């Protein structure tokens, strides 16, 4: 059984609740990183970063990060080495991101993505598998190198 982590701030809470119910009904083990109640002042990094860390450590197979637009969730998740997150709005990107880029966190916008489309995207994301072609591995190695040298980098 695949372990799926899910996290959302106030802007994604309603969609998170819907997807949690759908995932559970479909037989997935769902690990909920919050929010667990609507708090307008909450901040997406507080929920998304622990989710991304769990995915990067391998405690969770795949992650779903939701905020109002999905953009902030993606920015936060991608700060965690080993998390490969993207805002997804279409089915092609939901599977291609996994197949070619080994995406392990899918970001959604709770205020811009309807329930039916979100569920379709989630199912596509969760059923996709990394192809593992040499060119894809080479690209991921370059990303991993950037992550390992992150402390040496600075923005000028």
N, C-alpha and C. Protein backbone atom coordinates (compact mmCIF):
# COMPACT_ATOMS: atom_id res chain seq x y z
N UNK A 1 0.85 -1.18 0.00
CA UNK A 1 0.00 0.00 0.00
C UNK A 1 0.89 1.24 0.00
N UNK A 2 0.60 2.18 -0.86
CA UNK A 2 1.38 3.40 -0.96
C UNK A 2 1.01 4.35 0.17
N UNK A 3 2.05 4.91 0.81
CA UNK A 3 1.86 5.93 1.85
C UNK A 3 1.91 7.30 1.17
N UNK A 4 0.82 8.03 1.29
CA UNK A 4 0.70 9.35 0.68
C UNK A 4 0.58 10.38 1.78
N UNK A 5 1.46 11.35 1.75
CA UNK A 5 1.37 12.46 2.69
C UNK A 5 0.59 13.60 2.07
N UNK A 6 -0.10 14.34 2.90
CA UNK A 6 -0.89 15.47 2.41
C UNK A 6 -0.78 16.62 3.42
N UNK A 7 -0.66 17.82 2.90
CA UNK A 7 -0.54 19.00 3.75
C UNK A 7 -1.20 20.18 3.06
N UNK A 8 -1.75 21.08 3.86
CA UNK A 8 -2.39 22.27 3.31
C UNK A 8 -2.48 23.35 4.37
N UNK A 9 -2.44 24.58 3.89
CA UNK A 9 -2.74 25.71 4.77
C UNK A 9 -4.22 26.03 4.64
N UNK A 10 -4.63 27.18 5.14
CA UNK A 10 -6.05 27.56 5.10
C UNK A 10 -6.59 27.63 3.67
N UNK A 11 -5.76 28.03 2.71
CA UNK A 11 -6.20 28.15 1.33
C UNK A 11 -6.42 26.82 0.63
N UNK A 12 -5.86 25.76 1.19
CA UNK A 12 -6.01 24.44 0.59
C UNK A 12 -6.74 23.43 1.46
N UNK A 13 -7.20 23.88 2.63
CA UNK A 13 -7.81 22.95 3.59
C UNK A 13 -9.01 22.21 3.02
N UNK A 14 -9.91 22.90 2.37
CA UNK A 14 -11.11 22.23 1.83
C UNK A 14 -10.72 21.15 0.82
N UNK A 15 -9.81 21.46 -0.07
CA UNK A 15 -9.38 20.47 -1.06
C UNK A 15 -8.64 19.32 -0.38
N UNK A 16 -7.85 19.61 0.64
CA UNK A 16 -7.15 18.55 1.38
C UNK A 16 -8.14 17.57 2.01
N UNK A 17 -9.19 18.09 2.60
CA UNK A 17 -10.19 17.22 3.24
C UNK A 17 -10.84 16.33 2.18
N UNK A 18 -11.20 16.92 1.04
CA UNK A 18 -11.81 16.15 -0.05
C UNK A 18 -10.87 15.04 -0.53
N UNK A 19 -9.60 15.41 -0.80
CA UNK A 19 -8.65 14.43 -1.32
C UNK A 19 -8.31 13.36 -0.30
N UNK A 20 -8.25 13.72 0.97
CA UNK A 20 -7.98 12.73 2.01
C UNK A 20 -9.07 11.67 2.03
N UNK A 21 -10.31 12.09 1.93
CA UNK A 21 -11.43 11.15 1.89
C UNK A 21 -11.35 10.26 0.66
N UNK A 22 -11.08 10.85 -0.49
CA UNK A 22 -11.00 10.09 -1.74
C UNK A 22 -9.83 9.10 -1.71
N UNK A 23 -8.68 9.53 -1.21
CA UNK A 23 -7.52 8.65 -1.13
C UNK A 23 -7.76 7.48 -0.20
N UNK A 24 -8.35 7.75 0.95
CA UNK A 24 -8.64 6.70 1.91
C UNK A 24 -9.61 5.69 1.32
N UNK A 25 -10.65 6.17 0.65
CA UNK A 25 -11.63 5.29 0.01
C UNK A 25 -10.99 4.44 -1.09
N UNK A 26 -9.95 4.98 -1.72
CA UNK A 26 -9.26 4.25 -2.80
C UNK A 26 -8.21 3.28 -2.26
N UNK A 27 -8.03 3.24 -0.94
CA UNK A 27 -7.13 2.27 -0.34
C UNK A 27 -5.72 2.75 -0.04
N UNK A 28 -5.48 4.03 -0.17
CA UNK A 28 -4.16 4.56 0.17
C UNK A 28 -4.05 4.78 1.67
N UNK A 29 -2.83 4.64 2.19
CA UNK A 29 -2.56 5.03 3.56
C UNK A 29 -2.21 6.52 3.51
N UNK A 30 -2.99 7.34 4.18
CA UNK A 30 -2.82 8.79 4.12
C UNK A 30 -2.24 9.28 5.44
N UNK A 31 -1.16 10.04 5.34
CA UNK A 31 -0.55 10.67 6.50
C UNK A 31 -0.81 12.17 6.36
N UNK A 32 -1.55 12.71 7.30
CA UNK A 32 -2.00 14.10 7.25
C UNK A 32 -1.07 14.99 8.08
N UNK A 33 -0.41 15.93 7.40
CA UNK A 33 0.52 16.84 8.05
C UNK A 33 -0.15 18.16 8.45
N UNK A 34 -1.47 18.24 8.35
CA UNK A 34 -2.19 19.45 8.71
C UNK A 34 -2.34 20.35 7.50
N UNK A 35 -3.00 21.41 7.68
CA UNK A 35 -3.73 21.91 8.84
C UNK A 35 -4.94 21.01 9.12
N UNK A 36 -5.33 21.04 10.38
CA UNK A 36 -6.46 20.22 10.80
C UNK A 36 -7.70 21.05 11.08
N UNK A 37 -7.53 22.35 11.05
CA UNK A 37 -8.66 23.26 11.23
C UNK A 37 -8.37 24.55 10.47
N UNK A 38 -9.40 25.27 10.17
CA UNK A 38 -9.27 26.51 9.41
C UNK A 38 -8.77 27.63 10.33
N UNK A 39 -7.55 28.07 10.05
CA UNK A 39 -6.94 29.20 10.75
C UNK A 39 -6.39 30.11 9.65
N UNK A 40 -7.08 31.20 9.42
CA UNK A 40 -6.75 32.10 8.30
C UNK A 40 -5.31 32.61 8.36
N UNK A 41 -4.75 32.74 9.55
CA UNK A 41 -3.40 33.29 9.69
C UNK A 41 -2.31 32.24 9.59
N UNK A 42 -2.64 30.97 9.30
CA UNK A 42 -1.58 29.96 9.26
C UNK A 42 -0.70 30.16 8.02
N UNK A 43 0.46 29.49 8.02
CA UNK A 43 1.46 29.67 6.98
C UNK A 43 1.80 28.33 6.35
N UNK A 44 1.74 28.25 5.02
CA UNK A 44 1.97 26.99 4.32
C UNK A 44 3.31 26.31 4.64
N UNK A 45 4.42 27.04 4.87
CA UNK A 45 5.65 26.30 5.18
C UNK A 45 5.55 25.42 6.43
N UNK A 46 4.71 25.82 7.38
CA UNK A 46 4.57 25.05 8.61
C UNK A 46 4.03 23.65 8.37
N UNK A 47 3.32 23.44 7.27
CA UNK A 47 2.72 22.14 6.95
C UNK A 47 3.47 21.46 5.81
N UNK A 48 3.86 22.25 4.82
CA UNK A 48 4.49 21.69 3.61
C UNK A 48 5.90 21.21 3.87
N UNK A 49 6.68 21.93 4.65
CA UNK A 49 8.07 21.54 4.89
C UNK A 49 8.15 20.19 5.62
N UNK A 50 7.39 19.93 6.68
CA UNK A 50 7.43 18.59 7.28
C UNK A 50 7.02 17.49 6.30
N UNK A 51 6.04 17.77 5.45
CA UNK A 51 5.65 16.80 4.42
C UNK A 51 6.81 16.53 3.48
N UNK A 52 7.44 17.59 2.98
CA UNK A 52 8.55 17.43 2.04
C UNK A 52 9.71 16.67 2.69
N UNK A 53 9.98 16.94 3.95
CA UNK A 53 11.05 16.22 4.66
C UNK A 53 10.72 14.74 4.76
N UNK A 54 9.48 14.41 5.05
CA UNK A 54 9.07 13.01 5.15
C UNK A 54 9.21 12.29 3.80
N UNK A 55 8.89 12.98 2.72
CA UNK A 55 9.05 12.40 1.39
C UNK A 55 10.54 12.21 1.09
N UNK A 56 11.34 13.23 1.35
CA UNK A 56 12.77 13.15 1.08
C UNK A 56 13.44 12.03 1.87
N UNK A 57 12.98 11.79 3.09
CA UNK A 57 13.54 10.71 3.93
C UNK A 57 13.04 9.34 3.53
N UNK A 58 11.98 9.29 2.71
CA UNK A 58 11.42 8.01 2.31
C UNK A 58 10.36 7.48 3.26
N UNK A 59 9.95 8.28 4.23
CA UNK A 59 8.88 7.86 5.15
C UNK A 59 7.52 7.88 4.46
N UNK A 60 7.41 8.70 3.44
CA UNK A 60 6.20 8.85 2.64
C UNK A 60 6.60 8.60 1.19
N UNK A 61 5.79 7.86 0.45
CA UNK A 61 6.13 7.56 -0.95
C UNK A 61 5.98 8.78 -1.83
N UNK A 62 4.84 9.46 -1.71
CA UNK A 62 4.57 10.66 -2.49
C UNK A 62 3.84 11.66 -1.60
N UNK A 63 3.96 12.95 -1.96
CA UNK A 63 3.33 13.99 -1.17
C UNK A 63 2.42 14.86 -2.01
N UNK A 64 1.39 15.37 -1.37
CA UNK A 64 0.47 16.34 -1.96
C UNK A 64 0.50 17.58 -1.08
N UNK A 65 0.91 18.70 -1.67
CA UNK A 65 1.04 19.96 -0.94
C UNK A 65 0.07 20.96 -1.54
N UNK A 66 -0.78 21.53 -0.72
CA UNK A 66 -1.85 22.39 -1.21
C UNK A 66 -1.86 23.71 -0.46
N UNK A 67 -1.88 24.79 -1.22
CA UNK A 67 -2.13 26.12 -0.65
C UNK A 67 -3.13 26.80 -1.57
N UNK A 68 -3.35 28.06 -1.43
CA UNK A 68 -4.36 28.72 -2.24
C UNK A 68 -4.13 28.59 -3.73
N UNK A 69 -2.90 28.89 -4.17
CA UNK A 69 -2.58 28.80 -5.60
C UNK A 69 -1.75 27.57 -5.93
N UNK A 70 -1.08 27.00 -4.96
CA UNK A 70 -0.13 25.91 -5.17
C UNK A 70 1.29 26.40 -5.35
N UNK A 71 1.45 27.68 -5.62
CA UNK A 71 2.78 28.24 -5.88
C UNK A 71 3.63 28.24 -4.61
N UNK A 72 3.11 28.79 -3.54
CA UNK A 72 3.87 28.85 -2.29
C UNK A 72 4.24 27.47 -1.78
N UNK A 73 3.32 26.52 -1.90
CA UNK A 73 3.60 25.15 -1.48
C UNK A 73 4.78 24.59 -2.26
N UNK A 74 4.83 24.87 -3.56
CA UNK A 74 5.93 24.41 -4.39
C UNK A 74 7.24 25.05 -4.02
N UNK A 75 7.22 26.34 -3.77
CA UNK A 75 8.44 27.05 -3.36
C UNK A 75 8.97 26.45 -2.07
N UNK A 76 8.11 26.26 -1.08
CA UNK A 76 8.53 25.72 0.21
C UNK A 76 9.06 24.29 0.08
N UNK A 77 8.33 23.44 -0.62
CA UNK A 77 8.74 22.03 -0.75
C UNK A 77 10.08 21.90 -1.43
N UNK A 78 10.34 22.72 -2.43
CA UNK A 78 11.59 22.62 -3.17
C UNK A 78 12.80 23.13 -2.40
N UNK A 79 12.61 23.71 -1.24
CA UNK A 79 13.74 24.11 -0.39
C UNK A 79 14.28 22.92 0.39
N UNK A 80 13.57 21.81 0.39
CA UNK A 80 13.99 20.62 1.11
C UNK A 80 14.78 19.72 0.16
N UNK A 81 16.07 19.48 0.44
CA UNK A 81 16.85 18.59 -0.42
C UNK A 81 16.20 17.21 -0.54
N UNK A 82 16.07 16.74 -1.75
CA UNK A 82 15.45 15.44 -2.00
C UNK A 82 13.99 15.52 -2.35
N UNK A 83 13.37 16.66 -2.09
CA UNK A 83 11.98 16.86 -2.51
C UNK A 83 12.01 17.46 -3.91
N UNK A 84 11.19 16.91 -4.79
CA UNK A 84 11.08 17.40 -6.16
C UNK A 84 9.61 17.70 -6.40
N UNK A 85 9.28 18.97 -6.23
CA UNK A 85 7.88 19.40 -6.23
C UNK A 85 7.57 20.26 -7.45
N UNK A 86 6.32 20.19 -7.88
CA UNK A 86 5.87 21.06 -8.97
C UNK A 86 4.39 21.33 -8.82
N UNK A 87 4.01 22.54 -9.21
CA UNK A 87 2.60 22.90 -9.29
C UNK A 87 2.04 22.22 -10.54
N UNK A 88 1.00 21.43 -10.37
CA UNK A 88 0.43 20.66 -11.48
C UNK A 88 -1.01 21.12 -11.72
N UNK A 89 -1.29 21.38 -12.99
CA UNK A 89 -2.64 21.83 -13.37
C UNK A 89 -3.23 21.02 -14.51
N UNK A 90 -2.46 20.05 -15.03
CA UNK A 90 -2.94 19.26 -16.17
C UNK A 90 -2.47 17.81 -16.05
N UNK A 91 -3.21 16.87 -16.61
CA UNK A 91 -2.85 15.45 -16.49
C UNK A 91 -1.51 15.08 -17.10
N UNK A 92 -1.13 15.69 -18.23
CA UNK A 92 0.15 15.35 -18.84
C UNK A 92 1.30 15.63 -17.87
N UNK A 93 1.31 16.80 -17.27
CA UNK A 93 2.38 17.15 -16.34
C UNK A 93 2.34 16.27 -15.09
N UNK A 94 1.17 15.81 -14.69
CA UNK A 94 1.04 14.96 -13.51
C UNK A 94 1.79 13.66 -13.68
N UNK A 95 1.77 13.07 -14.87
CA UNK A 95 2.52 11.83 -15.07
C UNK A 95 3.93 12.08 -15.61
N UNK A 96 4.09 13.06 -16.49
CA UNK A 96 5.40 13.33 -17.06
C UNK A 96 6.39 13.80 -15.99
N UNK A 97 5.91 14.57 -15.02
CA UNK A 97 6.79 15.02 -13.95
C UNK A 97 7.38 13.88 -13.15
N UNK A 98 6.63 12.81 -13.01
CA UNK A 98 7.14 11.62 -12.32
C UNK A 98 8.01 10.80 -13.27
N UNK A 99 7.51 10.54 -14.46
CA UNK A 99 8.21 9.67 -15.41
C UNK A 99 9.60 10.19 -15.79
N UNK A 100 9.71 11.49 -16.02
CA UNK A 100 10.98 12.06 -16.48
C UNK A 100 11.79 12.72 -15.37
N UNK A 101 11.14 13.34 -14.40
CA UNK A 101 11.82 14.15 -13.39
C UNK A 101 11.76 13.57 -11.99
N UNK A 102 11.15 12.41 -11.84
CA UNK A 102 11.01 11.74 -10.54
C UNK A 102 10.39 12.66 -9.49
N UNK A 103 9.41 13.46 -9.94
CA UNK A 103 8.68 14.34 -9.02
C UNK A 103 8.07 13.49 -7.91
N UNK A 104 8.24 13.94 -6.68
CA UNK A 104 7.68 13.18 -5.56
C UNK A 104 6.70 13.99 -4.70
N UNK A 105 6.55 15.26 -5.01
CA UNK A 105 5.56 16.10 -4.34
C UNK A 105 4.78 16.86 -5.42
N UNK A 106 3.49 16.66 -5.42
CA UNK A 106 2.64 17.40 -6.35
C UNK A 106 1.95 18.52 -5.59
N UNK A 107 2.02 19.72 -6.15
CA UNK A 107 1.39 20.89 -5.53
C UNK A 107 0.13 21.26 -6.27
N UNK A 108 -0.88 21.61 -5.51
CA UNK A 108 -2.18 21.99 -6.08
C UNK A 108 -2.65 23.29 -5.45
N UNK A 109 -3.45 24.01 -6.20
CA UNK A 109 -4.05 25.24 -5.71
C UNK A 109 -5.48 25.00 -5.24
N UNK A 110 -5.71 25.11 -3.97
CA UNK A 110 -7.03 24.87 -3.41
C UNK A 110 -8.07 25.87 -3.86
N UNK A 111 -7.64 27.05 -4.26
CA UNK A 111 -8.58 28.08 -4.70
C UNK A 111 -8.77 28.09 -6.21
N UNK A 112 -7.96 27.31 -6.93
CA UNK A 112 -8.03 27.36 -8.40
C UNK A 112 -8.25 26.00 -9.06
N UNK A 113 -8.17 24.92 -8.31
CA UNK A 113 -8.34 23.59 -8.87
C UNK A 113 -9.59 22.95 -8.29
N UNK A 114 -10.52 22.62 -9.15
CA UNK A 114 -11.76 21.97 -8.70
C UNK A 114 -11.53 20.56 -8.22
N UNK A 115 -12.46 20.05 -7.46
CA UNK A 115 -12.33 18.73 -6.85
C UNK A 115 -12.15 17.63 -7.89
N UNK A 116 -12.96 17.61 -8.93
CA UNK A 116 -12.88 16.53 -9.92
C UNK A 116 -11.53 16.54 -10.63
N UNK A 117 -11.06 17.71 -11.04
CA UNK A 117 -9.76 17.79 -11.70
C UNK A 117 -8.65 17.40 -10.72
N UNK A 118 -8.72 17.87 -9.51
CA UNK A 118 -7.69 17.54 -8.51
C UNK A 118 -7.60 16.03 -8.31
N UNK A 119 -8.73 15.37 -8.21
CA UNK A 119 -8.72 13.92 -8.00
C UNK A 119 -8.13 13.22 -9.21
N UNK A 120 -8.45 13.68 -10.42
CA UNK A 120 -7.87 13.11 -11.63
C UNK A 120 -6.35 13.30 -11.63
N UNK A 121 -5.90 14.49 -11.27
CA UNK A 121 -4.46 14.76 -11.23
C UNK A 121 -3.75 13.89 -10.20
N UNK A 122 -4.36 13.75 -9.04
CA UNK A 122 -3.78 12.92 -7.97
C UNK A 122 -3.66 11.47 -8.42
N UNK A 123 -4.69 10.92 -9.01
CA UNK A 123 -4.64 9.53 -9.47
C UNK A 123 -3.56 9.34 -10.54
N UNK A 124 -3.45 10.31 -11.43
CA UNK A 124 -2.43 10.24 -12.48
C UNK A 124 -1.03 10.30 -11.87
N UNK A 125 -0.83 11.22 -10.95
CA UNK A 125 0.46 11.38 -10.26
C UNK A 125 0.84 10.11 -9.51
N UNK A 126 -0.09 9.55 -8.76
CA UNK A 126 0.22 8.38 -7.94
C UNK A 126 0.44 7.11 -8.74
N UNK A 127 -0.14 7.02 -9.92
CA UNK A 127 0.04 5.82 -10.74
C UNK A 127 1.27 5.89 -11.65
N UNK A 128 1.86 7.05 -11.80
CA UNK A 128 3.03 7.21 -12.66
C UNK A 128 4.28 6.65 -12.00
N UNK A 129 5.23 6.22 -12.82
CA UNK A 129 6.49 5.66 -12.34
C UNK A 129 7.65 6.32 -13.09
N UNK A 130 8.75 6.53 -12.39
CA UNK A 130 9.96 7.10 -12.98
C UNK A 130 10.50 6.13 -14.02
N UNK A 131 10.79 6.64 -15.21
CA UNK A 131 11.29 5.80 -16.31
C UNK A 131 12.73 5.36 -16.09
N UNK A 132 13.53 6.20 -15.45
CA UNK A 132 14.90 5.83 -15.13
C UNK A 132 15.86 5.84 -16.31
N UNK A 133 15.49 6.47 -17.41
CA UNK A 133 16.40 6.56 -18.55
C UNK A 133 17.66 7.32 -18.14
N UNK A 134 18.77 7.01 -18.81
CA UNK A 134 20.05 7.62 -18.46
C UNK A 134 19.99 9.14 -18.44
N UNK A 135 19.35 9.74 -19.43
CA UNK A 135 19.29 11.21 -19.48
C UNK A 135 18.53 11.78 -18.29
N UNK A 136 17.52 11.08 -17.82
CA UNK A 136 16.76 11.54 -16.66
C UNK A 136 17.60 11.41 -15.39
N UNK A 137 18.32 10.32 -15.25
CA UNK A 137 19.20 10.13 -14.10
C UNK A 137 20.31 11.18 -14.08
N UNK A 138 20.86 11.48 -15.26
CA UNK A 138 21.92 12.49 -15.36
C UNK A 138 21.42 13.84 -14.88
N UNK A 139 20.21 14.21 -15.28
CA UNK A 139 19.64 15.49 -14.87
C UNK A 139 19.38 15.53 -13.37
N UNK A 140 18.88 14.45 -12.84
CA UNK A 140 18.63 14.39 -11.40
C UNK A 140 19.93 14.45 -10.60
N UNK A 141 21.00 13.87 -11.14
CA UNK A 141 22.30 13.94 -10.46
C UNK A 141 22.78 15.39 -10.40
N UNK A 142 22.51 16.16 -11.43
CA UNK A 142 22.90 17.58 -11.42
C UNK A 142 22.12 18.35 -10.37
N UNK A 143 20.85 18.01 -10.21
CA UNK A 143 20.03 18.64 -9.16
C UNK A 143 20.57 18.25 -7.78
N UNK A 144 20.87 16.98 -7.60
CA UNK A 144 21.40 16.52 -6.31
C UNK A 144 22.72 17.21 -5.98
N UNK A 145 23.55 17.43 -7.00
CA UNK A 145 24.81 18.14 -6.78
C UNK A 145 24.55 19.57 -6.31
N UNK A 146 23.58 20.24 -6.93
CA UNK A 146 23.22 21.58 -6.48
C UNK A 146 22.76 21.57 -5.03
N UNK A 147 21.95 20.59 -4.68
CA UNK A 147 21.46 20.50 -3.30
C UNK A 147 22.60 20.28 -2.32
N UNK A 148 23.57 19.46 -2.69
CA UNK A 148 24.67 19.17 -1.77
C UNK A 148 25.59 20.37 -1.59
N UNK A 149 25.63 21.24 -2.57
CA UNK A 149 26.48 22.42 -2.51
C UNK A 149 25.69 23.67 -2.12
N UNK A 150 24.47 23.49 -1.73
CA UNK A 150 23.58 24.60 -1.45
C UNK A 150 24.17 25.61 -0.47
N UNK A 151 24.86 25.13 0.52
CA UNK A 151 25.42 26.06 1.51
C UNK A 151 26.54 26.90 0.92
N UNK A 152 27.15 26.45 -0.17
CA UNK A 152 28.22 27.20 -0.82
C UNK A 152 27.67 28.28 -1.74
N UNK A 153 26.42 28.14 -2.12
CA UNK A 153 25.83 29.09 -3.05
C UNK A 153 25.34 30.33 -2.31
N UNK A 154 25.41 31.43 -2.97
CA UNK A 154 24.82 32.64 -2.39
C UNK A 154 24.21 33.46 -3.52
N UNK A 155 23.22 34.20 -3.19
CA UNK A 155 22.56 35.08 -4.15
C UNK A 155 23.23 36.44 -4.06
N UNK A 156 23.67 36.94 -5.18
CA UNK A 156 24.36 38.24 -5.18
C UNK A 156 23.45 39.33 -5.64
